[in-house]
C-alpha atoms as a PDB file:
ATOM      1  CA  UNK A   1      15.132  18.052 -32.240  1.00  0.00           C
ATOM      2  CA  UNK A   2      15.212  18.399 -36.026  1.00  0.00           C
ATOM      3  CA  UNK A   3      11.962  17.743 -37.935  1.00  0.00           C
ATOM      4  CA  UNK A   4      11.914  14.290 -39.519  1.00  0.00           C
ATOM      5  CA  UNK A   5      14.460  12.807 -37.077  1.00  0.00           C
ATOM      6  CA  UNK A   6      11.984  10.237 -35.763  1.00  0.00           C
ATOM      7  CA  UNK A   7      11.166   6.757 -37.062  1.00  0.00           C
ATOM      8  CA  UNK A   8       7.911   4.934 -36.391  1.00  0.00           C
ATOM      9  CA  UNK A   9       8.417   1.648 -34.559  1.00  0.00           C
ATOM     10  CA  UNK A  10       4.868   0.423 -33.940  1.00  0.00           C
ATOM     11  CA  UNK A  11       1.193   1.395 -34.029  1.00  0.00           C
ATOM     12  CA  UNK A  12      -1.428  -0.573 -32.109  1.00  0.00           C
ATOM     13  CA  UNK A  13      -5.008   0.030 -31.047  1.00  0.00           C
ATOM     14  CA  UNK A  14      -5.322   0.005 -27.259  1.00  0.00           C
ATOM     15  CA  UNK A  15      -9.008   0.962 -26.874  1.00  0.00           C
ATOM     16  CA  UNK A  16     -11.649   1.621 -29.546  1.00  0.00           C
ATOM     17  CA  UNK A  17     -10.626   4.689 -31.520  1.00  0.00           C
ATOM     18  CA  UNK A  18      -7.308   5.145 -29.709  1.00  0.00           C
ATOM     19  CA  UNK A  19      -3.893   4.000 -30.943  1.00  0.00           C
ATOM     20  CA  UNK A  20      -0.554   3.953 -29.180  1.00  0.00           C
ATOM     21  CA  UNK A  21       2.428   4.782 -31.366  1.00  0.00           C
ATOM     22  CA  UNK A  22       6.057   4.104 -30.520  1.00  0.00           C
ATOM     23  CA  UNK A  23       8.685   6.326 -32.161  1.00  0.00           C
ATOM     24  CA  UNK A  24      12.455   6.044 -32.151  1.00  0.00           C
ATOM     25  CA  UNK A  25      13.538   9.623 -31.422  1.00  0.00           C
ATOM     26  CA  UNK A  26      16.641   9.685 -29.191  1.00  0.00           C
ATOM     27  CA  UNK A  27      17.085  13.468 -29.337  1.00  0.00           C
ATOM     28  CA  UNK A  28      13.577  13.980 -27.912  1.00  0.00           C
ATOM     29  CA  UNK A  29      13.798  11.282 -25.269  1.00  0.00           C
ATOM     30  CA  UNK A  30      17.140  12.498 -23.919  1.00  0.00           C
ATOM     31  CA  UNK A  31      15.674  15.634 -22.357  1.00  0.00           C
ATOM     32  CA  UNK A  32      12.039  14.645 -21.890  1.00  0.00           C
ATOM     33  CA  UNK A  33      10.142  15.016 -18.611  1.00  0.00           C
ATOM     34  CA  UNK A  34       6.631  14.046 -17.618  1.00  0.00           C
ATOM     35  CA  UNK A  35       4.015  16.622 -18.564  1.00  0.00           C
ATOM     36  CA  UNK A  36       5.802  17.844 -21.685  1.00  0.00           C
ATOM     37  CA  UNK A  37       4.477  17.441 -25.224  1.00  0.00           C
ATOM     38  CA  UNK A  38       5.490  16.989 -28.862  1.00  0.00           C
ATOM     39  CA  UNK A  39       4.436  19.101 -31.826  1.00  0.00           C
ATOM     40  CA  UNK A  40       3.624  16.733 -34.691  1.00  0.00           C
ATOM     41  CA  UNK A  41       3.446  18.027 -38.263  1.00  0.00           C
ATOM     42  CA  UNK A  42       0.641  16.986 -40.586  1.00  0.00           C
ATOM     43  CA  UNK A  43      -1.279  18.454 -43.540  1.00  0.00           C
ATOM     44  CA  UNK A  44      -4.907  19.338 -44.190  1.00  0.00           C
ATOM     45  CA  UNK A  45      -7.030  18.217 -47.153  1.00  0.00           C
ATOM     46  CA  UNK A  46      -5.480  20.921 -49.364  1.00  0.00           C
ATOM     47  CA  UNK A  47      -1.949  19.993 -48.374  1.00  0.00           C
ATOM     48  CA  UNK A  48      -1.334  22.966 -46.086  1.00  0.00           C
ATOM     49  CA  UNK A  49       0.912  22.017 -43.162  1.00  0.00           C
ATOM     50  CA  UNK A  50      -0.132  22.360 -39.544  1.00  0.00           C
ATOM     51  CA  UNK A  51       1.003  20.948 -36.225  1.00  0.00           C
ATOM     52  CA  UNK A  52      -0.844  19.326 -33.361  1.00  0.00           C
ATOM     53  CA  UNK A  53       0.361  18.741 -29.789  1.00  0.00           C
ATOM     54  CA  UNK A  54       0.592  15.255 -28.296  1.00  0.00           C
ATOM     55  CA  UNK A  55       1.552  14.518 -24.667  1.00  0.00           C
ATOM     56  CA  UNK A  56       4.618  12.380 -24.164  1.00  0.00           C
ATOM     57  CA  UNK A  57       3.102   9.211 -22.731  1.00  0.00           C
ATOM     58  CA  UNK A  58       6.373   7.365 -22.134  1.00  0.00           C
ATOM     59  CA  UNK A  59      10.042   7.946 -22.891  1.00  0.00           C
ATOM     60  CA  UNK A  60      12.788   5.336 -22.568  1.00  0.00           C
ATOM     61  CA  UNK A  61      16.301   6.847 -22.621  1.00  0.00           C
ATOM     62  CA  UNK A  62      17.931   3.423 -22.967  1.00  0.00           C
ATOM     63  CA  UNK A  63      16.235   2.644 -26.288  1.00  0.00           C
ATOM     64  CA  UNK A  64      15.579   6.222 -27.420  1.00  0.00           C
ATOM     65  CA  UNK A  65      11.904   5.340 -27.873  1.00  0.00           C
ATOM     66  CA  UNK A  66       8.848   7.378 -26.901  1.00  0.00           C
ATOM     67  CA  UNK A  67       5.119   6.750 -27.155  1.00  0.00           C
ATOM     68  CA  UNK A  68       2.150   8.983 -27.895  1.00  0.00           C
ATOM     69  CA  UNK A  69      -1.568   8.252 -28.095  1.00  0.00           C
ATOM     70  CA  UNK A  70      -3.449   9.206 -31.284  1.00  0.00           C
ATOM     71  CA  UNK A  71      -7.196   9.294 -31.898  1.00  0.00           C
ATOM     72  CA  UNK A  72      -9.331   8.333 -34.879  1.00  0.00           C
ATOM     73  CA  UNK A  73     -11.434  11.041 -36.477  1.00  0.00           C
ATOM     74  CA  UNK A  74      -8.817  13.808 -36.296  1.00  0.00           C
ATOM     75  CA  UNK A  75      -6.754  14.953 -39.276  1.00  0.00           C
ATOM     76  CA  UNK A  76      -3.413  14.348 -37.642  1.00  0.00           C
ATOM     77  CA  UNK A  77      -4.515  11.148 -35.922  1.00  0.00           C
ATOM     78  CA  UNK A  78      -5.832   9.603 -39.130  1.00  0.00           C
ATOM     79  CA  UNK A  79      -2.648  10.555 -40.974  1.00  0.00           C
ATOM     80  CA  UNK A  80      -0.415   9.102 -38.270  1.00  0.00           C
ATOM     81  CA  UNK A  81      -2.362   5.834 -38.191  1.00  0.00           C
ATOM     82  CA  UNK A  82      -1.699   5.352 -41.906  1.00  0.00           C
ATOM     83  CA  UNK A  83       2.052   5.391 -41.371  1.00  0.00           C
ATOM     84  CA  UNK A  84       3.949   2.115 -41.340  1.00  0.00           C
ATOM     85  CA  UNK A  85       6.915   0.981 -39.215  1.00  0.00           C
ATOM     86  CA  UNK A  86      10.059   2.539 -40.627  1.00  0.00           C
ATOM     87  CA  UNK A  87       8.326   5.707 -41.849  1.00  0.00           C
ATOM     88  CA  UNK A  88       9.840   9.022 -40.801  1.00  0.00           C
ATOM     89  CA  UNK A  89       7.923  11.470 -38.655  1.00  0.00           C
ATOM     90  CA  UNK A  90       8.129  15.225 -38.235  1.00  0.00           C
ATOM     91  CA  UNK A  91       8.196  15.551 -34.453  1.00  0.00           C
ATOM     92  CA  UNK A  92       9.493  18.527 -32.505  1.00  0.00           C
ATOM     93  CA  UNK A  93      10.031  18.352 -28.772  1.00  0.00           C
ATOM     94  CA  UNK A  94      10.096  18.049 -25.881  1.00  0.00           C
ATOM     95  CA  UNK A  95       8.133  21.268 -25.421  1.00  0.00           C
ATOM     96  CA  UNK A  96       6.409  22.987 -22.521  1.00  0.00           C
ATOM     97  CA  UNK A  97       6.960  22.927 -18.809  1.00  0.00           C
ATOM     98  CA  UNK A  98       6.861  19.592 -16.940  1.00  0.00           C
ATOM     99  CA  UNK A  99       5.349  18.386 -13.697  1.00  0.00           C
ATOM    100  CA  UNK A 100       7.196  19.492 -10.574  1.00  0.00           C
ATOM    101  CA  UNK A 101       7.264  16.916  -7.787  1.00  0.00           C
ATOM    102  CA  UNK A 102       8.323  17.987  -4.313  1.00  0.00           C
ATOM    103  CA  UNK A 103      11.361  15.909  -3.253  1.00  0.00           C
ATOM    104  CA  UNK A 104       9.572  15.172   0.032  1.00  0.00           C
ATOM    105  CA  UNK A 105       6.472  13.709  -1.646  1.00  0.00           C
ATOM    106  CA  UNK A 106       6.232   9.933  -1.298  1.00  0.00           C
ATOM    107  CA  UNK A 107       2.568   9.357  -2.286  1.00  0.00           C
ATOM    108  CA  UNK A 108       1.297  10.646  -5.640  1.00  0.00           C
ATOM    109  CA  UNK A 109      -2.359  10.628  -6.690  1.00  0.00           C
ATOM    110  CA  UNK A 110      -2.967  10.769 -10.458  1.00  0.00           C
ATOM    111  CA  UNK A 111      -6.418  11.484 -11.903  1.00  0.00           C
ATOM    112  CA  UNK A 112      -7.375  11.118 -15.570  1.00  0.00           C
ATOM    113  CA  UNK A 113     -10.330  10.343 -17.802  1.00  0.00           C
ATOM    114  CA  UNK A 114     -10.467   8.697 -21.217  1.00  0.00           C
ATOM    115  CA  UNK A 115      -7.518   9.378 -23.539  1.00  0.00           C
ATOM    116  CA  UNK A 116      -6.176  12.063 -21.191  1.00  0.00           C
ATOM    117  CA  UNK A 117      -4.365   9.332 -19.247  1.00  0.00           C
ATOM    118  CA  UNK A 118      -1.530   9.903 -21.742  1.00  0.00           C
ATOM    119  CA  UNK A 119      -0.948  13.277 -20.087  1.00  0.00           C
ATOM    120  CA  UNK A 120       0.013  11.706 -16.743  1.00  0.00           C
ATOM    121  CA  UNK A 121       1.324   8.320 -17.899  1.00  0.00           C
ATOM    122  CA  UNK A 122       5.007   9.282 -17.974  1.00  0.00           C
ATOM    123  CA  UNK A 123       4.813  10.620 -14.421  1.00  0.00           C
ATOM    124  CA  UNK A 124       4.079   7.076 -13.256  1.00  0.00           C
ATOM    125  CA  UNK A 125       7.427   5.852 -14.584  1.00  0.00           C
ATOM    126  CA  UNK A 126       9.295   8.783 -13.044  1.00  0.00           C
ATOM    127  CA  UNK A 127       7.617   8.253  -9.671  1.00  0.00           C
ATOM    128  CA  UNK A 128       8.389   4.533  -9.549  1.00  0.00           C
ATOM    129  CA  UNK A 129      11.981   5.232 -10.565  1.00  0.00           C
ATOM    130  CA  UNK A 130      12.217   7.549  -7.550  1.00  0.00           C
ATOM    131  CA  UNK A 131      10.649   4.971  -5.167  1.00  0.00           C
ATOM    132  CA  UNK A 132       7.344   6.813  -4.784  1.00  0.00           C
ATOM    133  CA  UNK A 133       3.944   5.167  -4.385  1.00  0.00           C
ATOM    134  CA  UNK A 134       1.353   5.902  -7.080  1.00  0.00           C
ATOM    135  CA  UNK A 135      -2.423   5.611  -7.244  1.00  0.00           C
ATOM    136  CA  UNK A 136      -4.017   6.200 -10.670  1.00  0.00           C
ATOM    137  CA  UNK A 137      -7.731   7.036 -10.751  1.00  0.00           C
ATOM    138  CA  UNK A 138      -8.993   6.642 -14.300  1.00  0.00           C
ATOM    139  CA  UNK A 139     -12.468   7.314 -15.694  1.00  0.00           C
ATOM    140  CA  UNK A 140     -13.992   5.951 -18.905  1.00  0.00           C
ATOM    141  CA  UNK A 141     -17.343   5.565 -20.643  1.00  0.00           C
ATOM    142  CA  UNK A 142     -17.367   1.777 -20.291  1.00  0.00           C
ATOM    143  CA  UNK A 143     -15.079  -1.189 -19.704  1.00  0.00           C
ATOM    144  CA  UNK A 144     -14.229  -1.252 -23.419  1.00  0.00           C
ATOM    145  CA  UNK A 145     -12.737   2.240 -23.139  1.00  0.00           C
ATOM    146  CA  UNK A 146     -10.667   1.702 -19.993  1.00  0.00           C
ATOM    147  CA  UNK A 147      -6.927   2.235 -20.409  1.00  0.00           C
ATOM    148  CA  UNK A 148      -5.377  -1.279 -20.393  1.00  0.00           C
ATOM    149  CA  UNK A 149      -3.758  -2.255 -17.119  1.00  0.00           C
ATOM    150  CA  UNK A 150      -1.184  -4.215 -19.147  1.00  0.00           C
ATOM    151  CA  UNK A 151       0.323  -0.862 -20.196  1.00  0.00           C
ATOM    152  CA  UNK A 152       0.962   0.133 -16.575  1.00  0.00           C
ATOM    153  CA  UNK A 153       3.736  -0.975 -14.217  1.00  0.00           C
ATOM    154  CA  UNK A 154       2.742  -3.564 -11.622  1.00  0.00           C
ATOM    155  CA  UNK A 155       3.650  -1.173  -8.806  1.00  0.00           C
ATOM    156  CA  UNK A 156       0.732   1.177  -9.568  1.00  0.00           C
ATOM    157  CA  UNK A 157      -2.560   0.933  -7.697  1.00  0.00           C
ATOM    158  CA  UNK A 158      -5.052   1.302 -10.550  1.00  0.00           C
ATOM    159  CA  UNK A 159      -8.632   2.319  -9.703  1.00  0.00           C
ATOM    160  CA  UNK A 160     -11.246   2.550 -12.463  1.00  0.00           C
ATOM    161  CA  UNK A 161     -14.557   4.385 -12.717  1.00  0.00           C
ATOM    162  CA  UNK A 162     -16.957   3.867 -15.638  1.00  0.00           C
ATOM    163  CA  UNK A 163     -20.040   5.864 -16.557  1.00  0.00           C
ATOM    164  CA  UNK A 164     -22.140   2.737 -17.131  1.00  0.00           C
ATOM    165  CA  UNK A 165     -20.767   0.732 -14.206  1.00  0.00           C
ATOM    166  CA  UNK A 166     -19.454  -2.059 -16.442  1.00  0.00           C
ATOM    167  CA  UNK A 167     -16.093  -1.981 -14.613  1.00  0.00           C
ATOM    168  CA  UNK A 168     -15.115  -0.594 -11.231  1.00  0.00           C
ATOM    169  CA  UNK A 169     -16.980   2.284  -9.651  1.00  0.00           C
ATOM    170  CA  UNK A 170     -20.072   3.590 -11.448  1.00  0.00           C
ATOM    171  CA  UNK A 171     -19.894   7.345 -11.832  1.00  0.00           C
ATOM    172  CA  UNK A 172     -17.369  10.099 -12.539  1.00  0.00           C
ATOM    173  CA  UNK A 173     -13.770   9.507 -11.563  1.00  0.00           C
ATOM    174  CA  UNK A 174     -13.843  12.668  -9.457  1.00  0.00           C
ATOM    175  CA  UNK A 175     -16.101  10.858  -6.980  1.00  0.00           C
ATOM    176  CA  UNK A 176     -13.094   8.746  -5.974  1.00  0.00           C
ATOM    177  CA  UNK A 177     -10.745  11.606  -5.120  1.00  0.00           C
ATOM    178  CA  UNK A 178     -11.824  12.083  -1.503  1.00  0.00           C
ATOM    179  CA  UNK A 179     -10.946   8.474  -0.661  1.00  0.00           C
ATOM    180  CA  UNK A 180      -7.288   9.217  -1.393  1.00  0.00           C
ATOM    181  CA  UNK A 181      -6.825  12.906  -0.564  1.00  0.00           C
ATOM    182  CA  UNK A 182      -5.545  12.200   2.968  1.00  0.00           C
ATOM    183  CA  UNK A 183      -3.066   9.613   1.656  1.00  0.00           C
ATOM    184  CA  UNK A 184      -1.660  11.799  -1.128  1.00  0.00           C
ATOM    185  CA  UNK A 185       1.219  14.233  -0.701  1.00  0.00           C
ATOM    186  CA  UNK A 186       0.538  15.699  -4.145  1.00  0.00           C
ATOM    187  CA  UNK A 187      -1.948  15.099  -6.939  1.00  0.00           C
ATOM    188  CA  UNK A 188      -1.774  15.505 -10.715  1.00  0.00           C
ATOM    189  CA  UNK A 189      -4.706  15.551 -13.129  1.00  0.00           C
ATOM    190  CA  UNK A 190      -5.473  15.633 -16.838  1.00  0.00           C
ATOM    191  CA  UNK A 191      -8.919  15.717 -18.433  1.00  0.00           C
ATOM    192  CA  UNK A 192     -11.724  17.947 -19.637  1.00  0.00           C
ATOM    193  CA  UNK A 193     -12.010  21.518 -18.282  1.00  0.00           C
ATOM    194  CA  UNK A 194     -15.087  20.584 -16.240  1.00  0.00           C
ATOM    195  CA  UNK A 195     -13.352  17.555 -14.728  1.00  0.00           C
ATOM    196  CA  UNK A 196     -10.265  19.597 -13.851  1.00  0.00           C
ATOM    197  CA  UNK A 197     -12.420  22.330 -12.335  1.00  0.00           C
ATOM    198  CA  UNK A 198     -14.075  19.741 -10.091  1.00  0.00           C
ATOM    199  CA  UNK A 199     -10.707  18.338  -8.974  1.00  0.00           C
ATOM    200  CA  UNK A 200      -9.423  21.869  -8.349  1.00  0.00           C
ATOM    201  CA  UNK A 201     -12.460  22.577  -6.181  1.00  0.00           C
ATOM    202  CA  UNK A 202     -11.813  19.432  -4.169  1.00  0.00           C
ATOM    203  CA  UNK A 203      -8.166  20.414  -3.695  1.00  0.00           C
ATOM    204  CA  UNK A 204      -9.212  23.859  -2.440  1.00  0.00           C
ATOM    205  CA  UNK A 205     -11.398  22.334   0.292  1.00  0.00           C
ATOM    206  CA  UNK A 206      -8.970  19.577   1.223  1.00  0.00           C
ATOM    207  CA  UNK A 207      -7.209  21.385   4.080  1.00  0.00           C
ATOM    208  CA  UNK A 208     -10.487  22.235   5.784  1.00  0.00           C
ATOM    209  CA  UNK A 209     -11.858  18.685   5.427  1.00  0.00           C
ATOM    210  CA  UNK A 210      -8.672  17.172   6.811  1.00  0.00           C
ATOM    211  CA  UNK A 211      -8.308  19.745   9.595  1.00  0.00           C
ATOM    212  CA  UNK A 212      -4.901  20.925   8.408  1.00  0.00           C
ATOM    213  CA  UNK A 213      -3.889  24.282   9.876  1.00  0.00           C
ATOM    214  CA  UNK A 214      -2.375  26.940   7.625  1.00  0.00           C
ATOM    215  CA  UNK A 215       0.584  28.629   9.263  1.00  0.00           C
ATOM    216  CA  UNK A 216       1.623  32.159   8.392  1.00  0.00           C
ATOM    217  CA  UNK A 217       5.066  32.925   7.037  1.00  0.00           C
ATOM    218  CA  UNK A 218       7.594  33.666   9.740  1.00  0.00           C
ATOM    219  CA  UNK A 219       8.824  37.235   9.902  1.00  0.00           C
ATOM    220  CA  UNK A 220      12.030  37.468   7.919  1.00  0.00           C
ATOM    221  CA  UNK A 221      11.402  33.998   6.475  1.00  0.00           C
ATOM    222  CA  UNK A 222      12.615  34.901   3.015  1.00  0.00           C
ATOM    223  CA  UNK A 223      11.191  36.269  -0.187  1.00  0.00           C
ATOM    224  CA  UNK A 224       7.799  35.091  -1.465  1.00  0.00           C
ATOM    225  CA  UNK A 225       7.976  32.373  -4.110  1.00  0.00           C
ATOM    226  CA  UNK A 226       6.739  33.740  -7.457  1.00  0.00           C
ATOM    227  CA  UNK A 227       3.504  32.153  -8.688  1.00  0.00           C
ATOM    228  CA  UNK A 228       4.094  29.915 -11.694  1.00  0.00           C
ATOM    229  CA  UNK A 229       7.708  29.201 -10.801  1.00  0.00           C
ATOM    230  CA  UNK A 230       8.978  25.640 -10.524  1.00  0.00           C
ATOM    231  CA  UNK A 231       9.423  26.129  -6.771  1.00  0.00           C
ATOM    232  CA  UNK A 232       5.830  27.308  -6.344  1.00  0.00           C
ATOM    233  CA  UNK A 233       4.491  24.388  -8.344  1.00  0.00           C
ATOM    234  CA  UNK A 234       6.462  21.919  -6.250  1.00  0.00           C
ATOM    235  CA  UNK A 235       4.664  23.272  -3.175  1.00  0.00           C
ATOM    236  CA  UNK A 236       1.204  22.977  -4.773  1.00  0.00           C
ATOM    237  CA  UNK A 237      -0.975  20.029  -3.793  1.00  0.00           C
ATOM    238  CA  UNK A 238      -2.581  19.845  -7.267  1.00  0.00           C
ATOM    239  CA  UNK A 239      -1.017  20.296 -10.695  1.00  0.00           C
ATOM    240  CA  UNK A 240      -3.054  19.964 -13.876  1.00  0.00           C
ATOM    241  CA  UNK A 241      -2.299  19.407 -17.563  1.00  0.00           C
ATOM    242  CA  UNK A 242      -4.394  21.427 -19.983  1.00  0.00           C
ATOM    243  CA  UNK A 243      -5.382  19.687 -23.203  1.00  0.00           C
ATOM    244  CA  UNK A 244      -5.615  22.706 -25.485  1.00  0.00           C
ATOM    245  CA  UNK A 245      -5.130  23.508 -29.143  1.00  0.00           C
ATOM    246  CA  UNK A 246      -1.558  24.741 -29.621  1.00  0.00           C
ATOM    247  CA  UNK A 247      -0.635  26.520 -32.837  1.00  0.00           C
ATOM    248  CA  UNK A 248       2.918  27.823 -33.058  1.00  0.00           C
ATOM    249  CA  UNK A 249       4.191  26.330 -29.751  1.00  0.00           C
ATOM    250  CA  UNK A 250       6.464  29.383 -29.507  1.00  0.00           C
ATOM    251  CA  UNK A 251       4.137  31.706 -27.619  1.00  0.00           C
ATOM    252  CA  UNK A 252       3.651  34.060 -30.578  1.00  0.00           C
ATOM    253  CA  UNK A 253       0.257  33.251 -32.090  1.00  0.00           C
ATOM    254  CA  UNK A 254      -1.653  33.548 -28.767  1.00  0.00           C
ATOM    255  CA  UNK A 255      -3.944  30.741 -29.926  1.00  0.00           C
ATOM    256  CA  UNK A 256      -3.594  28.761 -26.701  1.00  0.00           C
ATOM    257  CA  UNK A 257      -4.165  31.558 -24.195  1.00  0.00           C
ATOM    258  CA  UNK A 258      -6.354  30.695 -21.189  1.00  0.00           C
ATOM    259  CA  UNK A 259      -7.508  32.709 -18.190  1.00  0.00           C
ATOM    260  CA  UNK A 260      -5.065  32.669 -15.323  1.00  0.00           C
ATOM    261  CA  UNK A 261      -5.689  33.829 -11.772  1.00  0.00           C
ATOM    262  CA  UNK A 262      -3.426  36.826 -12.432  1.00  0.00           C
ATOM    263  CA  UNK A 263      -4.111  37.358 -16.122  1.00  0.00           C
ATOM    264  CA  UNK A 264      -3.839  35.417 -19.402  1.00  0.00           C
ATOM    265  CA  UNK A 265      -1.329  32.565 -19.674  1.00  0.00           C
ATOM    266  CA  UNK A 266      -0.148  30.561 -22.680  1.00  0.00           C
ATOM    267  CA  UNK A 267      -0.556  26.793 -22.527  1.00  0.00           C
ATOM    268  CA  UNK A 268       2.377  26.243 -24.883  1.00  0.00           C
ATOM    269  CA  UNK A 269       4.889  28.234 -22.835  1.00  0.00           C
ATOM    270  CA  UNK A 270       3.700  28.687 -19.247  1.00  0.00           C
ATOM    271  CA  UNK A 271       2.099  25.224 -19.463  1.00  0.00           C
ATOM    272  CA  UNK A 272       0.843  22.725 -20.348  1.00  0.00           C
ATOM    273  CA  UNK A 273       1.307  21.959 -16.636  1.00  0.00           C
ATOM    274  CA  UNK A 274       0.003  24.478 -14.106  1.00  0.00           C
ATOM    275  CA  UNK A 275      -0.532  24.547 -10.377  1.00  0.00           C
ATOM    276  CA  UNK A 276      -4.298  24.580  -9.891  1.00  0.00           C
ATOM    277  CA  UNK A 277      -4.255  27.966  -8.139  1.00  0.00           C
ATOM    278  CA  UNK A 278      -2.613  29.602 -11.181  1.00  0.00           C
ATOM    279  CA  UNK A 279      -5.806  29.251 -13.251  1.00  0.00           C
ATOM    280  CA  UNK A 280      -9.199  30.968 -13.216  1.00  0.00           C
ATOM    281  CA  UNK A 281     -11.544  27.998 -12.885  1.00  0.00           C
ATOM    282  CA  UNK A 282     -14.639  30.113 -13.329  1.00  0.00           C
ATOM    283  CA  UNK A 283     -13.498  30.753 -16.902  1.00  0.00           C
ATOM    284  CA  UNK A 284     -12.068  27.260 -17.459  1.00  0.00           C
ATOM    285  CA  UNK A 285     -15.237  25.356 -16.582  1.00  0.00           C
END
C-alpha cells in the first residue's frame, strides 16, 4: 500500500480513553488477515516523523474499510484523534505474519485484556465466516472499560472478567481459561507479557490436566516441521500476539527483538503472532 492512500471514515470513543477509527483503504483490506498490523505515520513535537504499529481490528473487503483502535495519551493516538472524516492517512500494511488456524479446528478460544482485544478481534470474523464456534474471554479494570458487546457478532460467546467485579467474573481473565480448555481446539491470546506468560503456562499443562496422551512420531513419518513455520503454528494449541514497539517494520533496526526459545526473534517479521512454544516466557514475563 502507498502511504497516504487511506481516508478516515469515522472516529468514535468506545470505552474511556479508547477510540475506534474506520479507514477506507482498499489496498490494505484486500490482502489482510487476522493478526497482522498497520504501520501508521505520525510526527513528534519537533515534527520528526515516526511510525507506530496498530493491529488490524476488522477488515471488510466489500467496502474496503478497516478499523483500528487508538488510545489517548500517546503521540500517535492523540494525533489520529484530531483527524476529521475525509482526512488522508499515512498507513502501510498489512504487515507481519497472521494467525494460523488448523483446518480441523471447530472451537476457538480467544483471550484478551483491555485494549488488546483489537489484536484478536479480526479472528472472530474469520472464524464465523468459516463456520467455527468462538468464545471470547475479555478482562478489564471495570465495567466502564469492557469492550462493547455491540461491536461483536451475535454468534460469539462473550465472557467478561473485571478487576473490581462490577461486571462478570471478579478477577483476572486468565482465571477463566481452565473452564474452556477442554472445549477449545485452539486458543489465541493478546495482552500484557505477564498475562500471556500465564496463558502459556496453562497451555503447557493442559494435556496433563485433560489426560491427553502424547504419541511419538511414527518411524518414517516424514520430516520434522520447522518451528515458526505456518504448518507448525497451525498445530500449536496456543498462539499469541505480542504488543511491542516496532520501529522500521522491515526487520533492520532490531528494535522489536524478543527472546525466543531458540534465540532472538523479531516481532515485526517473525511475528507479531507466535506459537507459544516459540518464545522464552522466562524472559517475556
